[in-house]
C-alpha atoms as a PDB file:
ATOM      1  CA  MET A   1      18.432  -1.363   4.321  1.00  0.00           C
ATOM      2  CA  GLY A   2      18.053   2.004   5.940  1.00  0.00           C
ATOM      3  CA  ALA A   3      15.128   3.176   7.781  1.00  0.00           C
ATOM      4  CA  ASP A   4      11.926   4.691   5.281  1.00  0.00           C
ATOM      5  CA  TYR A   5      11.312   8.466   5.760  1.00  0.00           C
ATOM      6  CA  PRO A   6       7.994   9.801   4.114  1.00  0.00           C
ATOM      7  CA  GLY A   7       7.871  12.059   1.446  1.00  0.00           C
ATOM      8  CA  GLU A   8       6.867  15.557   2.059  1.00  0.00           C
ATOM      9  CA  PHE A   9       3.287  15.070   0.976  1.00  0.00           C
ATOM     10  CA  GLU A  10       2.830  11.953   3.115  1.00  0.00           C
ATOM     11  CA  HIS A  11       4.533  14.008   5.936  1.00  0.00           C
ATOM     12  CA  MET A  12       2.290  16.799   5.481  1.00  0.00           C
ATOM     13  CA  LEU A  13      -0.753  14.342   5.339  1.00  0.00           C
ATOM     14  CA  MET A  14      -0.050  12.074   8.844  1.00  0.00           C
ATOM     15  CA  LEU A  15       0.523  15.840  10.304  1.00  0.00           C
ATOM     16  CA  VAL A  16      -3.024  17.046   9.416  1.00  0.00           C
ATOM     17  CA  ILE A  17      -4.678  13.751  10.197  1.00  0.00           C
ATOM     18  CA  LEU A  18      -3.152  13.600  13.772  1.00  0.00           C
ATOM     19  CA  GLN A  19      -4.082  17.754  13.901  1.00  0.00           C
ATOM     20  CA  LEU A  20      -7.741  16.726  13.031  1.00  0.00           C
ATOM     21  CA  GLY A  21      -8.311  13.545  15.128  1.00  0.00           C
ATOM     22  CA  ASP A  22     -11.962  12.030  14.878  1.00  0.00           C
ATOM     23  CA  ASP A  23     -12.582  14.154  11.841  1.00  0.00           C
ATOM     24  CA  ALA A  24     -10.260  13.120   9.638  1.00  0.00           C
ATOM     25  CA  TYR A  25     -11.833  12.179   6.408  1.00  0.00           C
ATOM     26  CA  GLY A  26     -10.446  13.006   2.595  1.00  0.00           C
ATOM     27  CA  GLY A  27     -12.603  16.248   2.539  1.00  0.00           C
ATOM     28  CA  ARG A  28     -11.522  17.520   5.931  1.00  0.00           C
ATOM     29  CA  VAL A  29      -7.516  16.285   5.245  1.00  0.00           C
ATOM     30  CA  ARG A  30      -8.070  18.343   2.130  1.00  0.00           C
ATOM     31  CA  GLY A  31      -9.563  21.685   3.464  1.00  0.00           C
ATOM     32  CA  GLN A  32      -7.109  21.659   6.324  1.00  0.00           C
ATOM     33  CA  LEU A  33      -4.175  21.204   3.941  1.00  0.00           C
ATOM     34  CA  THR A  34      -4.822  23.963   1.866  1.00  0.00           C
ATOM     35  CA  GLU A  35      -6.245  26.004   4.697  1.00  0.00           C
ATOM     36  CA  LEU A  36      -2.675  25.868   6.329  1.00  0.00           C
ATOM     37  CA  VAL A  37      -0.042  25.576   4.012  1.00  0.00           C
ATOM     38  CA  GLY A  38      -1.952  26.969   0.958  1.00  0.00           C
ATOM     39  CA  ARG A  39      -1.353  23.199  -0.786  1.00  0.00           C
ATOM     40  CA  GLU A  40      -4.914  22.389  -2.792  1.00  0.00           C
ATOM     41  CA  PRO A  41      -4.510  18.678  -3.874  1.00  0.00           C
ATOM     42  CA  SER A  42      -6.703  16.978  -6.264  1.00  0.00           C
ATOM     43  CA  ALA A  43      -8.320  14.568  -4.664  1.00  0.00           C
ATOM     44  CA  GLY A  44      -6.987  11.564  -7.037  1.00  0.00           C
ATOM     45  CA  ALA A  45      -3.447  12.500  -5.494  1.00  0.00           C
ATOM     46  CA  LEU A  46      -4.604  12.923  -2.126  1.00  0.00           C
ATOM     47  CA  TYR A  47      -6.581   9.210  -1.956  1.00  0.00           C
ATOM     48  CA  THR A  48      -3.695   7.716  -3.787  1.00  0.00           C
ATOM     49  CA  THR A  49      -1.269   9.255  -1.397  1.00  0.00           C
ATOM     50  CA  LEU A  50      -3.975   7.793   1.766  1.00  0.00           C
ATOM     51  CA  GLN A  51      -3.710   4.414   0.112  1.00  0.00           C
ATOM     52  CA  ARG A  52       0.378   3.947  -0.407  1.00  0.00           C
ATOM     53  CA  LEU A  53       0.076   5.331   3.360  1.00  0.00           C
ATOM     54  CA  GLU A  54      -2.495   2.694   4.454  1.00  0.00           C
ATOM     55  CA  LEU A  55       0.031  -0.018   2.513  1.00  0.00           C
ATOM     56  CA  LYS A  56       3.051   1.265   4.298  1.00  0.00           C
ATOM     57  CA  GLY A  57       1.321   0.735   7.881  1.00  0.00           C
ATOM     58  CA  TRP A  58       1.712   4.072   8.491  1.00  0.00           C
ATOM     59  CA  VAL A  59      -2.268   5.132   8.203  1.00  0.00           C
ATOM     60  CA  SER A  60      -5.164   3.527   8.525  1.00  0.00           C
ATOM     61  CA  GLY A  61      -9.037   3.923   7.407  1.00  0.00           C
ATOM     62  CA  ARG A  62     -12.228   2.657   8.273  1.00  0.00           C
ATOM     63  CA  GLN A  63     -15.909   3.191   6.411  1.00  0.00           C
ATOM     64  CA  ALA A  64     -18.410   4.981   8.257  1.00  0.00           C
ATOM     65  CA  VAL A  65     -22.074   5.017   6.756  1.00  0.00           C
ATOM     66  CA  GLY A  66     -23.058   7.972   5.096  1.00  0.00           C
ATOM     67  CA  SER A  67     -24.721  10.863   7.249  1.00  0.00           C
ATOM     68  CA  THR A  68     -27.108  13.589   6.384  1.00  0.00           C
ATOM     69  CA  GLU A  69     -24.260  15.793   6.927  1.00  0.00           C
ATOM     70  CA  SER A  70     -22.253  14.135   3.944  1.00  0.00           C
ATOM     71  CA  GLY A  71     -25.550  14.058   2.154  1.00  0.00           C
ATOM     72  CA  GLY A  72     -25.954  10.459   2.589  1.00  0.00           C
ATOM     73  CA  ARG A  73     -22.156   9.234   1.438  1.00  0.00           C
ATOM     74  CA  PRO A  74     -20.167   6.658   3.540  1.00  0.00           C
ATOM     75  CA  ARG A  75     -16.892   8.238   4.395  1.00  0.00           C
ATOM     76  CA  ARG A  76     -13.522   7.334   4.869  1.00  0.00           C
ATOM     77  CA  TYR A  77     -11.868   8.111   8.307  1.00  0.00           C
ATOM     78  CA  PHE A  78      -8.022   7.796   8.954  1.00  0.00           C
ATOM     79  CA  ARG A  79      -5.732   7.583  11.842  1.00  0.00           C
ATOM     80  CA  VAL A  80      -1.841   7.901  11.883  1.00  0.00           C
ATOM     81  CA  ALA A  81      -1.208   4.180  13.055  1.00  0.00           C
ATOM     82  CA  ALA A  82       2.400   3.717  15.735  1.00  0.00           C
ATOM     83  CA  GLU A  83       4.341   2.899  12.773  1.00  0.00           C
ATOM     84  CA  GLY A  84       3.130   6.409  11.010  1.00  0.00           C
ATOM     85  CA  ILE A  85       3.935   8.181  14.458  1.00  0.00           C
ATOM     86  CA  ALA A  86       7.624   6.615  14.183  1.00  0.00           C
ATOM     87  CA  ALA A  87       7.987   7.476  10.746  1.00  0.00           C
ATOM     88  CA  LEU A  88       7.250  11.255  11.283  1.00  0.00           C
ATOM     89  CA  ARG A  89       9.769  10.962  14.329  1.00  0.00           C
ATOM     90  CA  ARG A  90      12.585   9.652  12.150  1.00  0.00           C
ATOM     91  CA  SER A  91      11.786  11.981   9.495  1.00  0.00           C
ATOM     92  CA  ARG A  92      11.783  15.026  11.903  1.00  0.00           C
ATOM     93  CA  THR A  93      14.917  13.905  13.803  1.00  0.00           C
ATOM     94  CA  ALA A  94      16.527  13.804  10.210  1.00  0.00           C
ATOM     95  CA  LEU A  95      15.701  17.189   8.931  1.00  0.00           C
ATOM     96  CA  LEU A  96      16.392  18.831  12.566  1.00  0.00           C
ATOM     97  CA  THR A  97      20.087  16.968  12.344  1.00  0.00           C
ATOM     98  CA  LEU A  98      20.563  18.769   8.894  1.00  0.00           C
ATOM     99  CA  TRP A  99      19.302  22.109   9.519  1.00  0.00           C
ATOM    100  CA  GLU A 100      21.062  22.925  12.914  1.00  0.00           C
ATOM    101  CA  PRO A 101      24.428  23.471  11.250  1.00  0.00           C
ATOM    102  CA  VAL A 102      22.764  25.844   8.195  1.00  0.00           C
ATOM    103  CA  ALA A 103      20.136  27.430  10.199  1.00  0.00           C
ATOM    104  CA  GLY A 104      22.037  31.137  10.815  1.00  0.00           C
ATOM    105  CA  ALA A 105      23.302  30.787   7.136  1.00  0.00           C
ATOM    106  CA  LEU A 106      19.725  30.875   6.217  1.00  0.00           C
ATOM    107  CA  ASP A 107      19.080  33.803   8.408  1.00  0.00           C
ATOM    108  CA  GLU A 108      22.007  35.843   7.262  1.00  0.00           C
ATOM    109  CA  ALA A 109      21.114  35.301   3.285  1.00  0.00           C
END
């Protein structure tokens, strides 16, 4: 069986989680994704994908107690696991390998 690569949205979510570090909770991840790439996922799509990433072992989540900042609601914070970083590296290597021969052609188009 070949290596498993993250899909586009999974890839984006893991990169945003890495950027946010300890502040990577659902609402913040969604806001950063919207701000940086203009993609505004529904809450359902976001949390379904985060759950799938957890099942793959690429992301881990932890529940935090509610605070005044969150209006008393508990937040779930995420971090990219070592397996997720490995998947991102595989994907990056594969994409760069595929892009290299066509990069010049795209510049000319």
